[in-house]
Structure formats: C-alpha cells, structure tokens
C-alpha cells in the first residue's frame, strides 16, 4: 500500500491518496479495511475509491463514494483513461468546515494525478 499524505489543503479540508494492487472484490474490501485500521483514516470524513478489476478478461468497474457523491466516478474515469486495472486508488478527505462545491472534484482529480505520477 502506497500512501501520500497532506497533498492538498483547501479551506481547512485536507486530502491524502492511497493505493495498491487488488485482484478481487474481497481484496478491495481487505485493502479498505487495512487503510481504516489506521485511526486517522478511520476518522476521515470520506474515503472515496475506485478500481477496475480484470476477471477472466472482463473489466469490472467498482467505486465507493463514502458520502462524497460523484467522487468514485471521478476516480474510475481517471483509471479508465490510464487503462490501470487491478489497482485500487482511495482519496481521503478530512472536512475542514467549509463546503468546497465543485472544487472537491478538482481536488480528487489532483490527488489521483499525484498518485499516478509518484507511484
């Protein structure tokens, strides 16, 4: 599991991004469980994620918004563009008390870009 902490800060909200290889739905759940075993991730406001599993030649997109509606779809689109399969990416947000509106999607994209560039 690779983690990049405090990569974005905006109006009090802070973002981190994590990721790693997974090959099944069970492994995705195990990855998320391992991530949230760390107290700071368990206390995060949102742990949004996306993955495209390749199972027997069939691509299966999975996502989780964790209350940040639409964020999982943003991650999935970026994974599709990069043709990255069997690799989950999780964008974590700690809410800072100010609504970010559409900027939150830009931050999710920036976090995923950071992960892809530095992994």
N, C-alpha and C. Protein backbone atom coordinates (compact mmCIF):
# COMPACT_ATOMS: atom_id res chain seq x y z
N UNK A 1 0.85 -1.18 0.00
CA UNK A 1 0.00 0.00 0.00
C UNK A 1 0.90 1.24 0.00
N UNK A 2 0.62 2.11 -0.96
CA UNK A 2 1.34 3.39 -1.03
C UNK A 2 0.41 4.48 -0.51
N UNK A 3 0.98 5.39 0.26
CA UNK A 3 0.19 6.49 0.80
C UNK A 3 0.94 7.80 0.61
N UNK A 4 0.17 8.82 0.25
CA UNK A 4 0.70 10.18 0.15
C UNK A 4 -0.22 11.06 0.99
N UNK A 5 0.34 11.63 2.05
CA UNK A 5 -0.46 12.42 2.99
C UNK A 5 -0.37 13.90 2.72
N UNK A 6 -1.41 14.61 3.13
CA UNK A 6 -1.46 16.07 3.08
C UNK A 6 -0.99 16.64 1.74
N UNK A 7 -1.49 16.08 0.66
CA UNK A 7 -1.07 16.55 -0.66
C UNK A 7 -1.85 17.77 -1.11
N UNK A 8 -3.06 17.96 -0.55
CA UNK A 8 -3.89 19.11 -0.91
C UNK A 8 -4.53 19.63 0.38
N UNK A 9 -4.56 20.95 0.49
CA UNK A 9 -5.25 21.60 1.60
C UNK A 9 -6.01 22.79 1.02
N UNK A 10 -7.31 22.85 1.34
CA UNK A 10 -8.15 23.92 0.81
C UNK A 10 -9.25 24.24 1.82
N UNK A 11 -9.28 25.47 2.28
CA UNK A 11 -10.32 25.95 3.19
C UNK A 11 -10.52 25.01 4.38
N UNK A 12 -9.43 24.51 4.89
CA UNK A 12 -9.47 23.63 6.06
C UNK A 12 -9.56 22.15 5.75
N UNK A 13 -10.04 21.78 4.57
CA UNK A 13 -10.07 20.36 4.20
C UNK A 13 -8.68 19.91 3.79
N UNK A 14 -8.35 18.69 4.17
CA UNK A 14 -7.06 18.10 3.81
C UNK A 14 -7.30 16.79 3.07
N UNK A 15 -6.42 16.50 2.12
CA UNK A 15 -6.56 15.31 1.29
C UNK A 15 -5.31 14.44 1.35
N UNK A 16 -5.54 13.15 1.23
CA UNK A 16 -4.47 12.16 1.08
C UNK A 16 -4.93 11.19 0.00
N UNK A 17 -3.98 10.44 -0.55
CA UNK A 17 -4.33 9.43 -1.55
C UNK A 17 -3.51 8.18 -1.26
N UNK A 18 -4.15 7.03 -1.43
CA UNK A 18 -3.53 5.73 -1.18
C UNK A 18 -3.91 4.80 -2.32
N UNK A 19 -3.15 3.74 -2.46
CA UNK A 19 -3.49 2.77 -3.49
C UNK A 19 -2.64 1.52 -3.40
N UNK A 20 -3.04 0.53 -4.18
CA UNK A 20 -2.29 -0.71 -4.24
C UNK A 20 -2.98 -1.73 -5.12
N UNK A 21 -2.27 -2.79 -5.44
CA UNK A 21 -2.84 -3.83 -6.31
C UNK A 21 -3.90 -4.65 -5.58
N UNK A 22 -4.97 -4.96 -6.30
CA UNK A 22 -6.05 -5.83 -5.83
C UNK A 22 -6.54 -6.64 -7.02
N UNK A 23 -7.05 -7.84 -6.74
CA UNK A 23 -7.46 -8.72 -7.84
C UNK A 23 -8.86 -9.29 -7.67
N UNK A 24 -9.57 -8.85 -6.63
CA UNK A 24 -10.94 -9.32 -6.41
C UNK A 24 -11.67 -8.32 -5.51
N UNK A 25 -12.99 -8.49 -5.45
CA UNK A 25 -13.80 -7.64 -4.56
C UNK A 25 -13.38 -7.81 -3.11
N UNK A 26 -13.07 -9.06 -2.75
CA UNK A 26 -12.62 -9.33 -1.38
C UNK A 26 -11.33 -8.60 -1.06
N UNK A 27 -10.41 -8.54 -2.03
CA UNK A 27 -9.15 -7.84 -1.81
C UNK A 27 -9.37 -6.32 -1.71
N UNK A 28 -10.35 -5.82 -2.46
CA UNK A 28 -10.69 -4.38 -2.34
C UNK A 28 -11.16 -4.11 -0.92
N UNK A 29 -12.07 -4.94 -0.42
CA UNK A 29 -12.58 -4.75 0.94
C UNK A 29 -11.47 -4.90 1.98
N UNK A 30 -10.56 -5.85 1.77
CA UNK A 30 -9.44 -6.03 2.69
C UNK A 30 -8.52 -4.81 2.67
N UNK A 31 -8.31 -4.23 1.48
CA UNK A 31 -7.49 -3.03 1.36
C UNK A 31 -8.12 -1.88 2.14
N UNK A 32 -9.42 -1.66 1.95
CA UNK A 32 -10.12 -0.58 2.64
C UNK A 32 -10.10 -0.79 4.15
N UNK A 33 -10.25 -2.04 4.57
CA UNK A 33 -10.22 -2.35 6.00
C UNK A 33 -8.83 -2.08 6.58
N UNK A 34 -7.79 -2.46 5.85
CA UNK A 34 -6.42 -2.21 6.31
C UNK A 34 -6.15 -0.71 6.41
N UNK A 35 -6.64 0.05 5.44
CA UNK A 35 -6.44 1.50 5.44
C UNK A 35 -7.12 2.12 6.66
N UNK A 36 -8.35 1.72 6.92
CA UNK A 36 -9.09 2.35 8.01
C UNK A 36 -8.74 1.78 9.38
N UNK A 37 -7.83 0.82 9.42
CA UNK A 37 -7.28 0.39 10.71
C UNK A 37 -6.43 1.50 11.31
N UNK A 38 -5.88 2.34 10.44
CA UNK A 38 -5.15 3.50 10.91
C UNK A 38 -6.18 4.51 11.39
N UNK A 39 -6.05 4.94 12.62
CA UNK A 39 -7.05 5.78 13.26
C UNK A 39 -7.38 7.03 12.45
N UNK A 40 -6.38 7.66 11.87
CA UNK A 40 -6.63 8.91 11.14
C UNK A 40 -7.50 8.67 9.91
N UNK A 41 -7.33 7.54 9.24
CA UNK A 41 -8.17 7.23 8.08
C UNK A 41 -9.57 6.79 8.51
N UNK A 42 -9.65 6.10 9.64
CA UNK A 42 -10.96 5.71 10.17
C UNK A 42 -11.77 6.94 10.56
N UNK A 43 -11.11 8.00 11.01
CA UNK A 43 -11.80 9.22 11.42
C UNK A 43 -12.00 10.21 10.27
N UNK A 44 -11.51 9.88 9.09
CA UNK A 44 -11.67 10.78 7.94
C UNK A 44 -13.14 10.94 7.60
N UNK A 45 -13.47 12.07 7.01
CA UNK A 45 -14.86 12.33 6.62
C UNK A 45 -15.25 11.43 5.45
N UNK A 46 -14.34 11.27 4.47
CA UNK A 46 -14.62 10.47 3.28
C UNK A 46 -13.38 9.67 2.87
N UNK A 47 -13.58 8.40 2.55
CA UNK A 47 -12.57 7.56 1.90
C UNK A 47 -13.21 7.08 0.60
N UNK A 48 -13.06 7.87 -0.46
CA UNK A 48 -13.65 7.52 -1.75
C UNK A 48 -12.68 6.68 -2.54
N UNK A 49 -13.18 5.77 -3.36
CA UNK A 49 -12.27 4.86 -4.05
C UNK A 49 -12.84 4.41 -5.38
N UNK A 50 -11.93 3.89 -6.20
CA UNK A 50 -12.31 3.31 -7.48
C UNK A 50 -11.30 2.25 -7.88
N UNK A 51 -11.77 1.27 -8.63
CA UNK A 51 -10.92 0.19 -9.13
C UNK A 51 -11.59 -0.43 -10.34
N UNK A 52 -10.79 -0.90 -11.27
CA UNK A 52 -11.29 -1.69 -12.40
C UNK A 52 -10.65 -3.06 -12.28
N UNK A 53 -11.46 -4.06 -11.98
CA UNK A 53 -10.95 -5.42 -11.85
C UNK A 53 -11.00 -6.11 -13.21
N UNK A 54 -9.97 -6.86 -13.51
CA UNK A 54 -9.94 -7.68 -14.72
C UNK A 54 -10.11 -9.12 -14.27
N UNK A 55 -11.30 -9.66 -14.51
CA UNK A 55 -11.58 -11.03 -14.10
C UNK A 55 -11.97 -11.83 -15.33
N UNK A 56 -11.08 -12.74 -15.70
CA UNK A 56 -11.28 -13.60 -16.87
C UNK A 56 -11.51 -12.77 -18.14
N UNK A 57 -10.76 -11.69 -18.29
CA UNK A 57 -10.86 -10.85 -19.47
C UNK A 57 -12.01 -9.86 -19.45
N UNK A 58 -12.81 -9.90 -18.42
CA UNK A 58 -13.92 -8.96 -18.30
C UNK A 58 -13.53 -7.87 -17.30
N UNK A 59 -13.73 -6.62 -17.71
CA UNK A 59 -13.40 -5.49 -16.84
C UNK A 59 -14.61 -5.11 -16.01
N UNK A 60 -14.41 -5.07 -14.70
CA UNK A 60 -15.49 -4.77 -13.77
C UNK A 60 -15.14 -3.51 -12.99
N UNK A 61 -15.82 -2.39 -13.29
CA UNK A 61 -15.56 -1.15 -12.54
C UNK A 61 -16.32 -1.15 -11.22
N UNK A 62 -15.63 -0.79 -10.15
CA UNK A 62 -16.23 -0.68 -8.83
C UNK A 62 -15.84 0.66 -8.23
N UNK A 63 -16.74 1.24 -7.44
CA UNK A 63 -16.42 2.52 -6.82
C UNK A 63 -17.17 2.66 -5.52
N UNK A 64 -16.67 3.56 -4.68
CA UNK A 64 -17.34 3.89 -3.44
C UNK A 64 -17.18 5.37 -3.16
N UNK A 65 -18.31 6.05 -2.93
CA UNK A 65 -18.28 7.49 -2.70
C UNK A 65 -18.12 7.86 -1.23
N UNK A 66 -18.50 6.99 -0.33
CA UNK A 66 -18.40 7.24 1.11
C UNK A 66 -18.93 8.62 1.49
N UNK A 67 -20.08 8.96 0.93
CA UNK A 67 -20.72 10.23 1.26
C UNK A 67 -20.28 11.42 0.42
N UNK A 68 -19.28 11.26 -0.40
CA UNK A 68 -18.79 12.34 -1.28
C UNK A 68 -19.31 12.05 -2.68
N UNK A 69 -20.60 12.31 -2.89
CA UNK A 69 -21.31 11.92 -4.11
C UNK A 69 -20.56 12.30 -5.38
N UNK A 70 -20.31 11.29 -6.22
CA UNK A 70 -19.67 11.51 -7.51
C UNK A 70 -18.16 11.34 -7.51
N UNK A 71 -17.54 11.29 -6.34
CA UNK A 71 -16.08 11.21 -6.28
C UNK A 71 -15.55 9.87 -6.81
N UNK A 72 -16.25 8.79 -6.51
CA UNK A 72 -15.82 7.48 -7.01
C UNK A 72 -15.83 7.42 -8.52
N UNK A 73 -16.81 8.06 -9.14
CA UNK A 73 -16.90 8.09 -10.60
C UNK A 73 -15.73 8.87 -11.20
N UNK A 74 -15.30 9.93 -10.53
CA UNK A 74 -14.13 10.70 -10.99
C UNK A 74 -12.90 9.81 -10.99
N UNK A 75 -12.71 9.06 -9.92
CA UNK A 75 -11.55 8.15 -9.82
C UNK A 75 -11.63 7.10 -10.92
N UNK A 76 -12.81 6.52 -11.13
CA UNK A 76 -12.97 5.49 -12.17
C UNK A 76 -12.62 6.02 -13.56
N UNK A 77 -13.09 7.22 -13.89
CA UNK A 77 -12.78 7.80 -15.21
C UNK A 77 -11.28 7.94 -15.41
N UNK A 78 -10.59 8.35 -14.36
CA UNK A 78 -9.14 8.52 -14.48
C UNK A 78 -8.44 7.17 -14.63
N UNK A 79 -8.91 6.16 -13.93
CA UNK A 79 -8.35 4.81 -14.08
C UNK A 79 -8.58 4.28 -15.49
N UNK A 80 -9.77 4.53 -16.03
CA UNK A 80 -10.08 4.09 -17.40
C UNK A 80 -9.16 4.78 -18.40
N UNK A 81 -8.96 6.07 -18.23
CA UNK A 81 -8.08 6.83 -19.14
C UNK A 81 -6.65 6.28 -19.11
N UNK A 82 -6.20 5.92 -17.92
CA UNK A 82 -4.84 5.38 -17.76
C UNK A 82 -4.76 3.89 -18.08
N UNK A 83 -5.92 3.26 -18.30
CA UNK A 83 -6.01 1.82 -18.52
C UNK A 83 -5.34 1.04 -17.39
N UNK A 84 -5.56 1.52 -16.18
CA UNK A 84 -4.99 0.89 -14.98
C UNK A 84 -6.02 -0.06 -14.39
N UNK A 85 -5.72 -1.34 -14.40
CA UNK A 85 -6.64 -2.35 -13.87
C UNK A 85 -6.00 -3.05 -12.68
N UNK A 86 -6.86 -3.63 -11.86
CA UNK A 86 -6.43 -4.37 -10.68
C UNK A 86 -5.57 -3.52 -9.74
N UNK A 87 -5.96 -2.26 -9.61
CA UNK A 87 -5.25 -1.34 -8.72
C UNK A 87 -6.27 -0.36 -8.14
N UNK A 88 -6.47 -0.42 -6.84
CA UNK A 88 -7.44 0.46 -6.19
C UNK A 88 -6.76 1.78 -5.81
N UNK A 89 -7.47 2.88 -5.98
CA UNK A 89 -7.00 4.18 -5.53
C UNK A 89 -8.06 4.76 -4.61
N UNK A 90 -7.61 5.21 -3.43
CA UNK A 90 -8.50 5.77 -2.42
C UNK A 90 -8.09 7.22 -2.16
N UNK A 91 -9.04 8.14 -2.31
CA UNK A 91 -8.80 9.54 -1.99
C UNK A 91 -9.52 9.82 -0.67
N UNK A 92 -8.75 10.27 0.31
CA UNK A 92 -9.27 10.53 1.65
C UNK A 92 -9.38 12.04 1.87
N UNK A 93 -10.51 12.44 2.47
CA UNK A 93 -10.72 13.85 2.79
C UNK A 93 -11.11 14.00 4.24
N UNK A 94 -10.44 14.94 4.90
CA UNK A 94 -10.82 15.36 6.23
C UNK A 94 -11.48 16.72 6.05
N UNK A 95 -12.78 16.81 6.30
CA UNK A 95 -13.57 18.02 6.08
C UNK A 95 -13.11 19.12 7.04
N UNK A 96 -12.92 20.31 6.49
CA UNK A 96 -12.42 21.42 7.27
C UNK A 96 -13.46 22.42 7.71
N UNK A 97 -14.74 22.15 7.49
CA UNK A 97 -15.78 23.03 7.97
C UNK A 97 -16.35 23.98 6.92
N UNK A 98 -15.76 24.03 5.74
CA UNK A 98 -16.25 24.90 4.67
C UNK A 98 -16.56 24.04 3.46
N UNK A 99 -17.75 24.19 2.91
CA UNK A 99 -18.11 23.42 1.71
C UNK A 99 -17.26 23.87 0.53
N UNK A 100 -16.80 22.90 -0.26
CA UNK A 100 -15.92 23.21 -1.38
C UNK A 100 -16.64 23.24 -2.72
N UNK A 101 -17.89 22.81 -2.76
CA UNK A 101 -18.62 22.80 -4.01
C UNK A 101 -17.91 21.93 -5.05
N UNK A 102 -17.89 22.40 -6.28
CA UNK A 102 -17.27 21.65 -7.37
C UNK A 102 -15.77 21.52 -7.25
N UNK A 103 -15.13 22.35 -6.42
CA UNK A 103 -13.68 22.23 -6.25
C UNK A 103 -13.28 20.89 -5.67
N UNK A 104 -14.19 20.24 -4.96
CA UNK A 104 -13.84 18.94 -4.38
C UNK A 104 -13.51 17.92 -5.46
N UNK A 105 -14.18 18.01 -6.63
CA UNK A 105 -13.88 17.08 -7.73
C UNK A 105 -12.51 17.37 -8.32
N UNK A 106 -12.19 18.64 -8.42
CA UNK A 106 -10.85 19.01 -8.90
C UNK A 106 -9.78 18.47 -7.95
N UNK A 107 -10.04 18.53 -6.66
CA UNK A 107 -9.09 18.01 -5.68
C UNK A 107 -8.95 16.49 -5.77
N UNK A 108 -10.06 15.81 -6.01
CA UNK A 108 -9.99 14.35 -6.20
C UNK A 108 -9.12 14.04 -7.42
N UNK A 109 -9.32 14.77 -8.52
CA UNK A 109 -8.50 14.56 -9.72
C UNK A 109 -7.03 14.84 -9.43
N UNK A 110 -6.74 15.92 -8.72
CA UNK A 110 -5.35 16.25 -8.39
C UNK A 110 -4.72 15.15 -7.54
N UNK A 111 -5.49 14.62 -6.59
CA UNK A 111 -4.97 13.56 -5.73
C UNK A 111 -4.65 12.31 -6.54
N UNK A 112 -5.55 11.92 -7.43
CA UNK A 112 -5.31 10.74 -8.27
C UNK A 112 -4.11 10.98 -9.18
N UNK A 113 -4.01 12.16 -9.78
CA UNK A 113 -2.85 12.50 -10.62
C UNK A 113 -1.56 12.39 -9.82
N UNK A 114 -1.58 12.90 -8.60
CA UNK A 114 -0.40 12.81 -7.73
C UNK A 114 0.00 11.35 -7.52
N UNK A 115 -0.99 10.51 -7.23
CA UNK A 115 -0.72 9.09 -7.02
C UNK A 115 -0.12 8.45 -8.28
N UNK A 116 -0.74 8.71 -9.42
CA UNK A 116 -0.27 8.10 -10.67
C UNK A 116 1.13 8.58 -11.04
N UNK A 117 1.43 9.81 -10.78
CA UNK A 117 2.75 10.38 -11.12
C UNK A 117 3.84 9.84 -10.20
N UNK A 118 3.51 9.65 -8.93
CA UNK A 118 4.54 9.28 -7.95
C UNK A 118 4.57 7.79 -7.59
N UNK A 119 3.80 6.98 -8.27
CA UNK A 119 3.81 5.55 -7.98
C UNK A 119 4.48 4.77 -9.08
